[in-house]
Amino acid sequence: MTQGNLFDLDGGRTDRDAGVAAIETSHADFVPRMRAAAQAWALQYGTVTADDVRRIAWAFGVEPRHKNAWGAIFRGPGWKKVGEAASRVRTNHAHVNPVWTWVEPLEDPEEEPWSEPYTRKET
């Protein structure tokens, strides 16, 4: 196996976008609902991070099947990166998360993004 060009920004972006598309497809039940929850949080509090969305998901017993689904939540139009903050999730080892704000209106602000088909996990 030969390794291609390591320094290929366009190729890296193409690979990233393909990966995000694959995660969104395989998590069609998770990403849109958590994206809506992130949007609602940002509208209420001004900004949102992946940690904030994890708190919402954990409160309702929701988990993605793959950890990359967390990053897919903030892809697409409407999000603006406004800063960075170290993650408080211990297993993230102080990873620096982007801080986001939502700059476009919600399609349906009355919809509860955490409602069915998700149900709270029994603890």
PDB file of N, CA and C in Angstrom:
ATOM      1  N   MET A   1       0.849  -1.173   0.000  1.00  0.00           N
ATOM      2  CA  MET A   1       0.000   0.000   0.000  1.00  0.00           C
ATOM      3  C   MET A   1       0.891   1.231   0.000  1.00  0.00           C
ATOM      4  N   THR A   2       0.586   2.171  -0.849  1.00  0.00           N
ATOM      5  CA  THR A   2       1.354   3.411  -0.882  1.00  0.00           C
ATOM      6  C   THR A   2       0.536   4.515  -0.253  1.00  0.00           C
ATOM      7  N   GLN A   3       1.245   5.415   0.381  1.00  0.00           N
ATOM      8  CA  GLN A   3       0.578   6.541   1.027  1.00  0.00           C
ATOM      9  C   GLN A   3       0.541   7.709   0.051  1.00  0.00           C
ATOM     10  N   GLY A   4      -0.599   8.351  -0.056  1.00  0.00           N
ATOM     11  CA  GLY A   4      -0.739   9.502  -0.934  1.00  0.00           C
ATOM     12  C   GLY A   4      -0.092  10.735  -0.336  1.00  0.00           C
ATOM     13  N   ASN A   5      -0.347  11.845  -0.930  1.00  0.00           N
ATOM     14  CA  ASN A   5       0.202  13.112  -0.483  1.00  0.00           C
ATOM     15  C   ASN A   5      -0.328  13.445   0.910  1.00  0.00           C
ATOM     16  N   LEU A   6       0.564  13.577   1.874  1.00  0.00           N
ATOM     17  CA  LEU A   6       0.155  13.910   3.244  1.00  0.00           C
ATOM     18  C   LEU A   6      -0.344  15.339   3.365  1.00  0.00           C
ATOM     19  N   PHE A   7       0.156  16.223   2.517  1.00  0.00           N
ATOM     20  CA  PHE A   7      -0.165  17.649   2.610  1.00  0.00           C
ATOM     21  C   PHE A   7      -1.111  18.034   1.482  1.00  0.00           C
ATOM     22  N   ASP A   8      -2.386  17.722   1.685  1.00  0.00           N
ATOM     23  CA  ASP A   8      -3.409  17.945   0.665  1.00  0.00           C
ATOM     24  C   ASP A   8      -4.664  18.470   1.366  1.00  0.00           C
ATOM     25  N   LEU A   9      -4.742  19.784   1.519  1.00  0.00           N
ATOM     26  CA  LEU A   9      -5.858  20.406   2.229  1.00  0.00           C
ATOM     27  C   LEU A   9      -7.196  20.083   1.573  1.00  0.00           C
ATOM     28  N   ASP A  10      -7.273  20.194   0.257  1.00  0.00           N
ATOM     29  CA  ASP A  10      -8.534  19.901  -0.428  1.00  0.00           C
ATOM     30  C   ASP A  10      -8.944  18.440  -0.241  1.00  0.00           C
ATOM     31  N   GLY A  11      -7.972  17.544  -0.330  1.00  0.00           N
ATOM     32  CA  GLY A  11      -8.269  16.127  -0.108  1.00  0.00           C
ATOM     33  C   GLY A  11      -8.724  15.873   1.321  1.00  0.00           C
ATOM     34  N   GLY A  12      -8.098  16.546   2.282  1.00  0.00           N
ATOM     35  CA  GLY A  12      -8.499  16.417   3.683  1.00  0.00           C
ATOM     36  C   GLY A  12      -9.919  16.890   3.909  1.00  0.00           C
ATOM     37  N   ARG A  13     -10.270  17.999   3.292  1.00  0.00           N
ATOM     38  CA  ARG A  13     -11.649  18.512   3.414  1.00  0.00           C
ATOM     39  C   ARG A  13     -12.646  17.557   2.778  1.00  0.00           C
ATOM     40  N   THR A  14     -12.276  17.007   1.628  1.00  0.00           N
ATOM     41  CA  THR A  14     -13.151  16.042   0.950  1.00  0.00           C
ATOM     42  C   THR A  14     -13.373  14.819   1.827  1.00  0.00           C
ATOM     43  N   ASP A  15     -12.281  14.299   2.401  1.00  0.00           N
ATOM     44  CA  ASP A  15     -12.393  13.138   3.290  1.00  0.00           C
ATOM     45  C   ASP A  15     -13.231  13.465   4.528  1.00  0.00           C
ATOM     46  N   ARG A  16     -13.022  14.650   5.107  1.00  0.00           N
ATOM     47  CA  ARG A  16     -13.798  15.071   6.284  1.00  0.00           C
ATOM     48  C   ARG A  16     -15.288  15.124   5.945  1.00  0.00           C
ATOM     49  N   ASP A  17     -15.603  15.771   4.831  1.00  0.00           N
ATOM     50  CA  ASP A  17     -17.010  15.920   4.447  1.00  0.00           C
ATOM     51  C   ASP A  17     -17.662  14.565   4.173  1.00  0.00           C
ATOM     52  N   ALA A  18     -16.907  13.648   3.576  1.00  0.00           N
ATOM     53  CA  ALA A  18     -17.443  12.303   3.328  1.00  0.00           C
ATOM     54  C   ALA A  18     -17.685  11.579   4.652  1.00  0.00           C
ATOM     55  N   GLY A  19     -16.779  11.754   5.602  1.00  0.00           N
ATOM     56  CA  GLY A  19     -16.947  11.130   6.915  1.00  0.00           C
ATOM     57  C   GLY A  19     -18.152  11.672   7.654  1.00  0.00           C
ATOM     58  N   VAL A  20     -18.333  12.994   7.615  1.00  0.00           N
ATOM     59  CA  VAL A  20     -19.486  13.611   8.281  1.00  0.00           C
ATOM     60  C   VAL A  20     -20.783  13.144   7.622  1.00  0.00           C
ATOM     61  N   ALA A  21     -20.791  13.083   6.292  1.00  0.00           N
ATOM     62  CA  ALA A  21     -21.990  12.611   5.589  1.00  0.00           C
ATOM     63  C   ALA A  21     -22.313  11.169   5.979  1.00  0.00           C
ATOM     64  N   ALA A  22     -21.284  10.338   6.101  1.00  0.00           N
ATOM     65  CA  ALA A  22     -21.514   8.938   6.494  1.00  0.00           C
ATOM     66  C   ALA A  22     -22.079   8.852   7.910  1.00  0.00           C
ATOM     67  N   ILE A  23     -21.550   9.660   8.819  1.00  0.00           N
ATOM     68  CA  ILE A  23     -22.053   9.667  10.201  1.00  0.00           C
ATOM     69  C   ILE A  23     -23.489  10.170  10.239  1.00  0.00           C
ATOM     70  N   GLU A  24     -23.784  11.238   9.483  1.00  0.00           N
ATOM     71  CA  GLU A  24     -25.160  11.758   9.468  1.00  0.00           C
ATOM     72  C   GLU A  24     -26.128  10.713   8.922  1.00  0.00           C
ATOM     73  N   THR A  25     -25.704   9.963   7.914  1.00  0.00           N
ATOM     74  CA  THR A  25     -26.553   8.928   7.339  1.00  0.00           C
ATOM     75  C   THR A  25     -26.763   7.782   8.324  1.00  0.00           C
ATOM     76  N   SER A  26     -25.691   7.360   8.980  1.00  0.00           N
ATOM     77  CA  SER A  26     -25.811   6.226   9.901  1.00  0.00           C
ATOM     78  C   SER A  26     -26.428   6.618  11.243  1.00  0.00           C
ATOM     79  N   HIS A  27     -26.560   7.924  11.490  1.00  0.00           N
ATOM     80  CA  HIS A  27     -27.158   8.418  12.739  1.00  0.00           C
ATOM     81  C   HIS A  27     -28.330   9.363  12.440  1.00  0.00           C
ATOM     82  N   ALA A  28     -29.119   9.001  11.430  1.00  0.00           N
ATOM     83  CA  ALA A  28     -30.237   9.849  11.021  1.00  0.00           C
ATOM     84  C   ALA A  28     -31.267  10.015  12.132  1.00  0.00           C
ATOM     85  N   ASP A  29     -31.247   9.145  13.120  1.00  0.00           N
ATOM     86  CA  ASP A  29     -32.143   9.246  14.266  1.00  0.00           C
ATOM     87  C   ASP A  29     -31.551  10.105  15.380  1.00  0.00           C
ATOM     88  N   PHE A  30     -30.258  10.357  15.346  1.00  0.00           N
ATOM     89  CA  PHE A  30     -29.564  11.049  16.435  1.00  0.00           C
ATOM     90  C   PHE A  30     -29.165  12.485  16.077  1.00  0.00           C
ATOM     91  N   VAL A  31     -28.455  12.643  14.974  1.00  0.00           N
ATOM     92  CA  VAL A  31     -27.873  13.948  14.640  1.00  0.00           C
ATOM     93  C   VAL A  31     -28.926  15.047  14.503  1.00  0.00           C
ATOM     94  N   PRO A  32     -30.005  14.871  13.753  1.00  0.00           N
ATOM     95  CA  PRO A  32     -30.977  15.970  13.626  1.00  0.00           C
ATOM     96  C   PRO A  32     -31.606  16.390  14.957  1.00  0.00           C
ATOM     97  N   ARG A  33     -31.903  15.422  15.814  1.00  0.00           N
ATOM     98  CA  ARG A  33     -32.513  15.767  17.100  1.00  0.00           C
ATOM     99  C   ARG A  33     -31.526  16.484  18.018  1.00  0.00           C
ATOM    100  N   MET A  34     -30.295  16.020  18.043  1.00  0.00           N
ATOM    101  CA  MET A  34     -29.301  16.678  18.887  1.00  0.00           C
ATOM    102  C   MET A  34     -28.910  18.038  18.312  1.00  0.00           C
ATOM    103  N   ARG A  35     -28.945  18.166  16.986  1.00  0.00           N
ATOM    104  CA  ARG A  35     -28.699  19.466  16.349  1.00  0.00           C
ATOM    105  C   ARG A  35     -29.790  20.456  16.756  1.00  0.00           C
ATOM    106  N   ALA A  36     -31.033  20.006  16.755  1.00  0.00           N
ATOM    107  CA  ALA A  36     -32.135  20.882  17.175  1.00  0.00           C
ATOM    108  C   ALA A  36     -32.001  21.252  18.648  1.00  0.00           C
ATOM    109  N   ALA A  37     -31.569  20.307  19.478  1.00  0.00           N
ATOM    110  CA  ALA A  37     -31.350  20.608  20.898  1.00  0.00           C
ATOM    111  C   ALA A  37     -30.229  21.623  21.055  1.00  0.00           C
ATOM    112  N   ALA A  38     -29.163  21.481  20.262  1.00  0.00           N
ATOM    113  CA  ALA A  38     -28.054  22.430  20.310  1.00  0.00           C
ATOM    114  C   ALA A  38     -28.499  23.817  19.858  1.00  0.00           C
ATOM    115  N   GLN A  39     -29.322  23.859  18.833  1.00  0.00           N
ATOM    116  CA  GLN A  39     -29.849  25.139  18.353  1.00  0.00           C
ATOM    117  C   GLN A  39     -30.683  25.815  19.433  1.00  0.00           C
ATOM    118  N   ALA A  40     -31.565  25.046  20.056  1.00  0.00           N
ATOM    119  CA  ALA A  40     -32.411  25.611  21.117  1.00  0.00           C
ATOM    120  C   ALA A  40     -31.564  26.118  22.277  1.00  0.00           C
ATOM    121  N   TRP A  41     -30.528  25.353  22.655  1.00  0.00           N
ATOM    122  CA  TRP A  41     -29.629  25.761  23.750  1.00  0.00           C
ATOM    123  C   TRP A  41     -28.931  27.073  23.385  1.00  0.00           C
ATOM    124  N   ALA A  42     -28.406  27.138  22.170  1.00  0.00           N
ATOM    125  CA  ALA A  42     -27.698  28.347  21.730  1.00  0.00           C
ATOM    126  C   ALA A  42     -28.624  29.554  21.705  1.00  0.00           C
ATOM    127  N   LEU A  43     -29.863  29.346  21.291  1.00  0.00           N
ATOM    128  CA  LEU A  43     -30.812  30.463  21.273  1.00  0.00           C
ATOM    129  C   LEU A  43     -31.154  30.917  22.686  1.00  0.00           C
ATOM    130  N   GLN A  44     -31.216  29.992  23.623  1.00  0.00           N
ATOM    131  CA  GLN A  44     -31.559  30.353  24.994  1.00  0.00           C
ATOM    132  C   GLN A  44     -30.375  30.953  25.746  1.00  0.00           C
ATOM    133  N   TYR A  45     -29.180  30.372  25.560  1.00  0.00           N
ATOM    134  CA  TYR A  45     -28.023  30.775  26.360  1.00  0.00           C
ATOM    135  C   TYR A  45     -26.969  31.562  25.584  1.00  0.00           C
ATOM    136  N   GLY A  46     -27.141  31.694  24.288  1.00  0.00           N
ATOM    137  CA  GLY A  46     -26.208  32.475  23.479  1.00  0.00           C
ATOM    138  C   GLY A  46     -25.148  31.640  22.788  1.00  0.00           C
ATOM    139  N   THR A  47     -24.609  30.638  23.477  1.00  0.00           N
ATOM    140  CA  THR A  47     -23.595  29.768  22.887  1.00  0.00           C
ATOM    141  C   THR A  47     -23.850  28.333  23.323  1.00  0.00           C
ATOM    142  N   VAL A  48     -23.178  27.413  22.631  1.00  0.00           N
ATOM    143  CA  VAL A  48     -23.315  25.983  22.937  1.00  0.00           C
ATOM    144  C   VAL A  48     -22.016  25.269  22.567  1.00  0.00           C
ATOM    145  N   THR A  49     -21.696  24.232  23.323  1.00  0.00           N
ATOM    146  CA  THR A  49     -20.560  23.371  23.010  1.00  0.00           C
ATOM    147  C   THR A  49     -21.041  21.925  22.940  1.00  0.00           C
ATOM    148  N   ALA A  50     -20.153  21.054  22.503  1.00  0.00           N
ATOM    149  CA  ALA A  50     -20.486  19.627  22.488  1.00  0.00           C
ATOM    150  C   ALA A  50     -20.787  19.134  23.906  1.00  0.00           C
ATOM    151  N   ASP A  51     -20.115  19.692  24.907  1.00  0.00           N
ATOM    152  CA  ASP A  51     -20.397  19.295  26.291  1.00  0.00           C
ATOM    153  C   ASP A  51     -21.841  19.613  26.672  1.00  0.00           C
ATOM    154  N   ASP A  52     -22.344  20.764  26.238  1.00  0.00           N
ATOM    155  CA  ASP A  52     -23.728  21.131  26.543  1.00  0.00           C
ATOM    156  C   ASP A  52     -24.698  20.123  25.930  1.00  0.00           C
ATOM    157  N   VAL A  53     -24.435  19.748  24.682  1.00  0.00           N
ATOM    158  CA  VAL A  53     -25.311  18.788  24.002  1.00  0.00           C
ATOM    159  C   VAL A  53     -25.225  17.421  24.672  1.00  0.00           C
ATOM    160  N   ARG A  54     -24.032  17.054  25.123  1.00  0.00           N
ATOM    161  CA  ARG A  54     -23.883  15.787  25.833  1.00  0.00           C
ATOM    162  C   ARG A  54     -24.705  15.786  27.121  1.00  0.00           C
ATOM    163  N   ARG A  55     -24.724  16.911  27.815  1.00  0.00           N
ATOM    164  CA  ARG A  55     -25.543  16.991  29.045  1.00  0.00           C
ATOM    165  C   ARG A  55     -27.013  16.741  28.729  1.00  0.00           C
ATOM    166  N   ILE A  56     -27.490  17.340  27.647  1.00  0.00           N
ATOM    167  CA  ILE A  56     -28.886  17.141  27.242  1.00  0.00           C
ATOM    168  C   ILE A  56     -29.116  15.674  26.908  1.00  0.00           C
ATOM    169  N   ALA A  57     -28.233  15.118  26.092  1.00  0.00           N
ATOM    170  CA  ALA A  57     -28.389  13.713  25.690  1.00  0.00           C
ATOM    171  C   ALA A  57     -28.337  12.787  26.900  1.00  0.00           C
ATOM    172  N   TRP A  58     -27.387  13.016  27.782  1.00  0.00           N
ATOM    173  CA  TRP A  58     -27.264  12.161  28.970  1.00  0.00           C
ATOM    174  C   TRP A  58     -28.497  12.267  29.860  1.00  0.00           C
ATOM    175  N   ALA A  59     -29.060  13.468  29.960  1.00  0.00           N
ATOM    176  CA  ALA A  59     -30.257  13.652  30.785  1.00  0.00           C
ATOM    177  C   ALA A  59     -31.424  12.816  30.268  1.00  0.00           C
ATOM    178  N   PHE A  60     -31.436  12.574  28.959  1.00  0.00           N
ATOM    179  CA  PHE A  60     -32.512  11.794  28.363  1.00  0.00           C
ATOM    180  C   PHE A  60     -32.082  10.376  28.000  1.00  0.00           C
ATOM    181  N   GLY A  61     -30.862   9.999  28.420  1.00  0.00           N
ATOM    182  CA  GLY A  61     -30.394   8.643  28.165  1.00  0.00           C
ATOM    183  C   GLY A  61     -30.114   8.346  26.712  1.00  0.00           C
ATOM    184  N   VAL A  62     -29.713   9.358  25.954  1.00  0.00           N
ATOM    185  CA  VAL A  62     -29.465   9.203  24.528  1.00  0.00           C
ATOM    186  C   VAL A  62     -27.961   9.131  24.271  1.00  0.00           C
ATOM    187  N   GLU A  63     -27.545   8.151  23.463  1.00  0.00           N
ATOM    188  CA  GLU A  63     -26.136   8.024  23.087  1.00  0.00           C
ATOM    189  C   GLU A  63     -26.041   7.706  21.599  1.00  0.00           C
ATOM    190  N   PRO A  64     -25.039   8.269  20.927  1.00  0.00           N
ATOM    191  CA  PRO A  64     -24.836   7.871  19.529  1.00  0.00           C
ATOM    192  C   PRO A  64     -24.174   6.499  19.472  1.00  0.00           C
ATOM    193  N   ARG A  65     -24.278   5.864  18.335  1.00  0.00           N
ATOM    194  CA  ARG A  65     -23.614   4.577  18.165  1.00  0.00           C
ATOM    195  C   ARG A  65     -22.108   4.759  17.920  1.00  0.00           C
ATOM    196  N   HIS A  66     -21.700   5.949  17.480  1.00  0.00           N
ATOM    197  CA  HIS A  66     -20.282   6.233  17.250  1.00  0.00           C
ATOM    198  C   HIS A  66     -19.982   7.633  17.775  1.00  0.00           C
ATOM    199  N   LYS A  67     -18.820   7.787  18.402  1.00  0.00           N
ATOM    200  CA  LYS A  67     -18.463   9.068  19.026  1.00  0.00           C
ATOM    201  C   LYS A  67     -18.354  10.222  18.028  1.00  0.00           C
ATOM    202  N   ASN A  68     -18.097   9.950  16.760  1.00  0.00           N
ATOM    203  CA  ASN A  68     -17.986  11.032  15.782  1.00  0.00           C
ATOM    204  C   ASN A  68     -19.315  11.735  15.519  1.00  0.00           C
ATOM    205  N   ALA A  69     -20.402  11.129  15.937  1.00  0.00           N
ATOM    206  CA  ALA A  69     -21.712  11.760  15.738  1.00  0.00           C
ATOM    207  C   ALA A  69     -21.816  13.080  16.497  1.00  0.00           C
ATOM    208  N   TRP A  70     -21.081  13.213  17.603  1.00  0.00           N
ATOM    209  CA  TRP A  70     -21.114  14.479  18.345  1.00  0.00           C
ATOM    210  C   TRP A  70     -20.643  15.627  17.474  1.00  0.00           C
ATOM    211  N   GLY A  71     -19.589  15.422  16.714  1.00  0.00           N
ATOM    212  CA  GLY A  71     -19.048  16.483  15.868  1.00  0.00           C
ATOM    213  C   GLY A  71     -19.949  16.823  14.701  1.00  0.00           C
ATOM    214  N   ALA A  72     -20.711  15.856  14.215  1.00  0.00           N
ATOM    215  CA  ALA A  72     -21.598  16.099  13.080  1.00  0.00           C
ATOM    216  C   ALA A  72     -22.743  17.046  13.436  1.00  0.00           C
ATOM    217  N   ILE A  73     -23.036  17.179  14.703  1.00  0.00           N
ATOM    218  CA  ILE A  73     -24.131  18.042  15.150  1.00  0.00           C
ATOM    219  C   ILE A  73     -23.912  19.482  14.705  1.00  0.00           C
ATOM    220  N   PHE A  74     -22.677  19.932  14.696  1.00  0.00           N
ATOM    221  CA  PHE A  74     -22.380  21.335  14.412  1.00  0.00           C
ATOM    222  C   PHE A  74     -21.947  21.588  12.976  1.00  0.00           C
ATOM    223  N   ARG A  75     -22.227  20.664  12.076  1.00  0.00           N
ATOM    224  CA  ARG A  75     -21.918  20.853  10.663  1.00  0.00           C
ATOM    225  C   ARG A  75     -23.126  21.454   9.960  1.00  0.00           C
ATOM    226  N   GLY A  76     -22.866  22.176   8.909  1.00  0.00           N
ATOM    227  CA  GLY A  76     -23.945  22.724   8.111  1.00  0.00           C
ATOM    228  C   GLY A  76     -24.147  24.203   8.370  1.00  0.00           C
ATOM    229  N   PRO A  77     -25.041  24.798   7.603  1.00  0.00           N
ATOM    230  CA  PRO A  77     -25.276  26.241   7.731  1.00  0.00           C
ATOM    231  C   PRO A  77     -25.949  26.587   9.054  1.00  0.00           C
ATOM    232  N   GLY A  78     -25.765  27.813   9.478  1.00  0.00           N
ATOM    233  CA  GLY A  78     -26.427  28.306  10.679  1.00  0.00           C
ATOM    234  C   GLY A  78     -25.522  28.412  11.877  1.00  0.00           C
ATOM    235  N   TRP A  79     -24.418  27.657  11.897  1.00  0.00           N
ATOM    236  CA  TRP A  79     -23.503  27.683  13.030  1.00  0.00           C
ATOM    237  C   TRP A  79     -22.365  28.658  12.783  1.00  0.00           C
ATOM    238  N   LYS A  80     -21.991  29.391  13.819  1.00  0.00           N
ATOM    239  CA  LYS A  80     -20.836  30.284  13.749  1.00  0.00           C
ATOM    240  C   LYS A  80     -19.955  30.016  14.959  1.00  0.00           C
ATOM    241  N   LYS A  81     -18.687  29.707  14.701  1.00  0.00           N
ATOM    242  CA  LYS A  81     -17.741  29.470  15.789  1.00  0.00           C
ATOM    243  C   LYS A  81     -17.350  30.813  16.394  1.00  0.00           C
ATOM    244  N   VAL A  82     -17.512  30.910  17.719  1.00  0.00           N
ATOM    245  CA  VAL A  82     -17.226  32.177  18.397  1.00  0.00           C
ATOM    246  C   VAL A  82     -16.143  32.051  19.468  1.00  0.00           C
ATOM    247  N   GLY A  83     -15.597  30.854  19.631  1.00  0.00           N
ATOM    248  CA  GLY A  83     -14.557  30.686  20.631  1.00  0.00           C
ATOM    249  C   GLY A  83     -14.187  29.232  20.814  1.00  0.00           C
ATOM    250  N   GLU A  84     -13.468  28.977  21.901  1.00  0.00           N
ATOM    251  CA  GLU A  84     -13.045  27.628  22.253  1.00  0.00           C
ATOM    252  C   GLU A  84     -13.121  27.461  23.762  1.00  0.00           C
ATOM    253  N   ALA A  85     -13.345  26.242  24.202  1.00  0.00           N
ATOM    254  CA  ALA A  85     -13.392  25.934  25.635  1.00  0.00           C
ATOM    255  C   ALA A  85     -12.953  24.493  25.842  1.00  0.00           C
ATOM    256  N   ALA A  86     -12.168  24.278  26.878  1.00  0.00           N
ATOM    257  CA  ALA A  86     -11.734  22.919  27.201  1.00  0.00           C
ATOM    258  C   ALA A  86     -12.935  22.098  27.655  1.00  0.00           C
ATOM    259  N   SER A  87     -13.015  20.877  27.166  1.00  0.00           N
ATOM    260  CA  SER A  87     -14.092  19.981  27.557  1.00  0.00           C
ATOM    261  C   SER A  87     -13.960  19.616  29.026  1.00  0.00           C
ATOM    262  N   ARG A  88     -15.094  19.539  29.706  1.00  0.00           N
ATOM    263  CA  ARG A  88     -15.128  19.114  31.106  1.00  0.00           C
ATOM    264  C   ARG A  88     -15.409  17.620  31.234  1.00  0.00           C
ATOM    265  N   VAL A  89     -15.609  16.957  30.104  1.00  0.00           N
ATOM    266  CA  VAL A  89     -15.829  15.512  30.116  1.00  0.00           C
ATOM    267  C   VAL A  89     -14.468  14.846  30.327  1.00  0.00           C
ATOM    268  N   ARG A  90     -14.335  14.129  31.404  1.00  0.00           N
ATOM    269  CA  ARG A  90     -13.031  13.590  31.790  1.00  0.00           C
ATOM    270  C   ARG A  90     -12.372  12.767  30.689  1.00  0.00           C
ATOM    271  N   THR A  91     -13.147  11.912  30.027  1.00  0.00           N
ATOM    272  CA  THR A  91     -12.568  11.052  28.996  1.00  0.00           C
ATOM    273  C   THR A  91     -12.158  11.816  27.741  1.00  0.00           C
ATOM    274  N   ASN A  92     -12.514  13.088  27.638  1.00  0.00           N
ATOM    275  CA  ASN A  92     -12.064  13.923  26.518  1.00  0.00           C
ATOM    276  C   ASN A  92     -10.676  14.500  26.763  1.00  0.00           C
ATOM    277  N   HIS A  93     -10.140  14.297  27.968  1.00  0.00           N
ATOM    278  CA  HIS A  93      -8.778  14.725  28.318  1.00  0.00           C
ATOM    279  C   HIS A  93      -8.536  16.194  28.008  1.00  0.00           C
ATOM    280  N   ALA A  94      -9.465  17.060  28.404  1.00  0.00           N
ATOM    281  CA  ALA A  94      -9.374  18.521  28.242  1.00  0.00           C
ATOM    282  C   ALA A  94      -9.286  18.953  26.780  1.00  0.00           C
ATOM    283  N   HIS A  95      -9.824  18.141  25.887  1.00  0.00           N
ATOM    284  CA  HIS A  95      -9.888  18.503  24.464  1.00  0.00           C
ATOM    285  C   HIS A  95     -10.510  19.890  24.327  1.00  0.00           C
ATOM    286  N   VAL A  96      -9.996  20.695  23.430  1.00  0.00           N
ATOM    287  CA  VAL A  96     -10.536  22.032  23.220  1.00  0.00           C
ATOM    288  C   VAL A  96     -11.677  21.943  22.206  1.00  0.00           C
ATOM    289  N   ASN A  97     -12.891  22.220  22.680  1.00  0.00           N
ATOM    290  CA  ASN A  97     -14.088  22.209  21.841  1.00  0.00           C
ATOM    291  C   ASN A  97     -14.356  23.593  21.284  1.00  0.00           C
ATOM    292  N   PRO A  98     -14.885  23.677  20.072  1.00  0.00           N
ATOM    293  CA  PRO A  98     -15.371  24.968  19.592  1.00  0.00           C
ATOM    294  C   PRO A  98     -16.580  25.408  20.416  1.00  0.00           C
ATOM    295  N   VAL A  99     -16.735  26.690  20.563  1.00  0.00           N
ATOM    296  CA  VAL A  99     -17.942  27.282  21.145  1.00  0.00           C
ATOM    297  C   VAL A  99     -18.713  27.865  19.968  1.00  0.00           C
ATOM    298  N   TRP A 100     -19.986  27.504  19.870  1.00  0.00           N
ATOM    299  CA  TRP A 100     -20.808  27.862  18.722  1.00  0.00           C
ATOM    300  C   TRP A 100     -21.946  28.785  19.125  1.00  0.00           C
ATOM    301  N   THR A 101     -22.404  29.573  18.168  1.00  0.00           N
ATOM    302  CA  THR A 101     -23.661  30.294  18.306  1.00  0.00           C
ATOM    303  C   THR A 101     -24.500  29.976  17.074  1.00  0.00           C
ATOM    304  N   TRP A 102     -25.805  30.089  17.232  1.00  0.00           N
ATOM    305  CA  TRP A 102     -26.729  29.807  16.128  1.00  0.00           C
ATOM    306  C   TRP A 102     -27.143  31.131  15.514  1.00  0.00           C
ATOM    307  N   VAL A 103     -26.978  31.276  14.197  1.00  0.00           N
ATOM    308  CA  VAL A 103     -27.235  32.552  13.537  1.00  0.00           C
ATOM    309  C   VAL A 103     -28.432  32.529  12.592  1.00  0.00           C
ATOM    310  N   GLU A 104     -29.113  31.385  12.486  1.00  0.00           N
ATOM    311  CA  GLU A 104     -30.310  31.294  11.650  1.00  0.00           C
ATOM    312  C   GLU A 104     -31.485  30.824  12.504  1.00  0.00           C
ATOM    313  N   PRO A 105     -32.715  31.209  12.160  1.00  0.00           N
ATOM    314  CA  PRO A 105     -33.866  30.782  12.964  1.00  0.00           C
ATOM    315  C   PRO A 105     -34.137  29.294  12.836  1.00  0.00           C
ATOM    316  N   LEU A 106     -34.715  28.720  13.875  1.00  0.00           N
ATOM    317  CA  LEU A 106     -35.132  27.313  13.847  1.00  0.00           C
ATOM    318  C   LEU A 106     -36.302  27.145  12.895  1.00  0.00           C
ATOM    319  N   GLU A 107     -36.371  25.986  12.249  1.00  0.00           N
ATOM    320  CA  GLU A 107     -37.504  25.699  11.377  1.00  0.00           C
ATOM    321  C   GLU A 107     -38.789  25.593  12.176  1.00  0.00           C
ATOM    322  N   ASP A 108     -38.745  24.903  13.302  1.00  0.00           N
ATOM    323  CA  ASP A 108     -39.925  24.722  14.146  1.00  0.00           C
ATOM    324  C   ASP A 108     -39.499  24.810  15.607  1.00  0.00           C
ATOM    325  N   PRO A 109     -39.475  26.029  16.180  1.00  0.00           N
ATOM    326  CA  PRO A 109     -38.987  26.174  17.554  1.00  0.00           C
ATOM    327  C   PRO A 109     -39.866  25.500  18.603  1.00  0.00           C
ATOM    328  N   GLU A 110     -41.072  25.077  18.235  1.00  0.00           N
ATOM    329  CA  GLU A 110     -41.961  24.417  19.183  1.00  0.00           C
ATOM    330  C   GLU A 110     -41.679  22.930  19.309  1.00  0.00           C
ATOM    331  N   GLU A 111     -40.970  22.352  18.331  1.00  0.00           N
ATOM    332  CA  GLU A 111     -40.683  20.916  18.363  1.00  0.00           C
ATOM    333  C   GLU A 111     -39.676  20.605  19.459  1.00  0.00           C
ATOM    334  N   GLU A 112     -39.947  19.574  20.219  1.00  0.00           N
ATOM    335  CA  GLU A 112     -39.011  19.127  21.248  1.00  0.00           C
ATOM    336  C   GLU A 112     -38.031  18.163  20.596  1.00  0.00           C
ATOM    337  N   PRO A 113     -36.750  18.548  20.481  1.00  0.00           N
ATOM    338  CA  PRO A 113     -35.804  17.723  19.747  1.00  0.00           C
ATOM    339  C   PRO A 113     -35.487  16.392  20.416  1.00  0.00           C
ATOM    340  N   TRP A 114     -35.811  16.235  21.672  1.00  0.00           N
ATOM    341  CA  TRP A 114     -35.459  15.001  22.376  1.00  0.00           C
ATOM    342  C   TRP A 114     -36.638  14.046  22.498  1.00  0.00           C
ATOM    343  N   SER A 115     -37.754  14.371  21.846  1.00  0.00           N
ATOM    344  CA  SER A 115     -38.926  13.507  21.943  1.00  0.00           C
ATOM    345  C   SER A 115     -38.731  12.239  21.107  1.00  0.00           C
ATOM    346  N   GLU A 116     -39.747  11.404  21.038  1.00  0.00           N
ATOM    347  CA  GLU A 116     -39.673  10.111  20.356  1.00  0.00           C
ATOM    348  C   GLU A 116     -38.930  10.238  19.035  1.00  0.00           C
ATOM    349  N   PRO A 117     -38.183   9.235  18.573  1.00  0.00           N
ATOM    350  CA  PRO A 117     -38.188   7.878  19.077  1.00  0.00           C
ATOM    351  C   PRO A 117     -37.273   7.645  20.271  1.00  0.00           C
ATOM    352  N   TYR A 118     -36.684   8.674  20.834  1.00  0.00           N
ATOM    353  CA  TYR A 118     -35.822   8.463  21.987  1.00  0.00           C
ATOM    354  C   TYR A 118     -36.645   8.304  23.249  1.00  0.00           C
ATOM    355  N   THR A 119     -36.205   7.422  24.084  1.00  0.00           N
ATOM    356  CA  THR A 119     -36.812   7.268  25.397  1.00  0.00           C
ATOM    357  C   THR A 119     -35.692   7.213  26.416  1.00  0.00           C
ATOM    358  N   ARG A 120     -35.992   7.627  27.595  1.00  0.00           N
ATOM    359  CA  ARG A 120     -34.999   7.636  28.660  1.00  0.00           C
ATOM    360  C   ARG A 120     -34.558   6.211  28.989  1.00  0.00           C
ATOM    361  N   LYS A 121     -33.253   6.019  29.097  1.00  0.00           N
ATOM    362  CA  LYS A 121     -32.728   4.699  29.444  1.00  0.00           C
ATOM    363  C   LYS A 121     -32.964   4.430  30.913  1.00  0.00           C
ATOM    364  N   GLU A 122     -33.291   3.204  31.226  1.00  0.00           N
ATOM    365  CA  GLU A 122     -33.456   2.805  32.610  1.00  0.00           C
ATOM    366  C   GLU A 122     -32.101   2.776  33.287  1.00  0.00           C
ATOM    367  N   THR A 123     -32.022   3.331  34.493  1.00  0.00           N
ATOM    368  CA  THR A 123     -30.742   3.322  35.213  1.00  0.00           C
ATOM    369  C   THR A 123     -30.815   2.411  36.406  1.00  0.00           C
TER     370      THR A 123
END
